[in-house]
Amino acid sequence: MLRVGLCEDQEPIRKVLVRGLRQAGHQVVVAHDGREALAQLGAATSLDVLVMDIGLPDADGRDVVAALKSAGQHAPVLFLTALGATHERLAGFAAGADDYVVKPFEIKEVLARLDVLARRGPDRRLRAGGLVLDPVAHSARTDQGRVLLTPTEFRMLAAITSRPGEVVRRRSVVAAAWPDGAMVSENTVDSFLRKIRAKLDEIDSPTIIETVRGVGFTTAERP
């Protein structure tokens, strides 16, 4: 039996998934949109796998997953979406997907893929403590305040903070924040990082971003 987190806004599809998962003997924690997913599927919820729709009414499901990972939820992720183009798939994997199923789908295939993901087990990393990302508002907050981020800033920050203590390579940050094939210079990336750091300073974030020269970026605790 698996404990599955499901976020799907379309009721007919949600019912098919919930019924199929329960008939297979799994427990399901259900969210209907991005904001509810943050509340219901966060790190405090013990999940074996996570099924996330991309086209949510209030947020991009890829941003929701990035925020959940940044907050410490590292259950393997299956994106379930109508967006099947190659560049859409690549964007999903860059956002933290472990697998990808395009609608319309066969419930048996979804169940089989979830079984495979569950056998891999969750990726238990440390939480980027004290810094909370909101994919609905595209914001970051701490106990000291809240700042708004552009979509690119949000995705860059999420890509780095979802892997605390690791060095995230520049190309991974670019893949998460820009469309596939976009020509992004190092100066552009550094310019965005300066803006992100300034915003984190505004809210006295306990998590800061450090540059590892010639490689990428990592998180650290504020001195």
Foldseek 3Di string as FASTA:
>chain_A
DFEEEEEDQDVVVVVVLCVLQVVVPYHYFYDRALVRCCVGVAQVDDGLEYEFEQPGPQFGRLLSLLQRLLQFRFHAYEYEYQPDDPQVVLLSVLSRHPYYDHPPDDSVVVVVVSVVSSVVGGDGDDHQPQWGARRRQCWIAGPQGIDHDDQLLSQLVSSASSHAPDFDFPVSSCSNRDTPPDDDDPVNVVVSLVVSQVRCVVSVRQWHWDADPPGGIHIDGDD
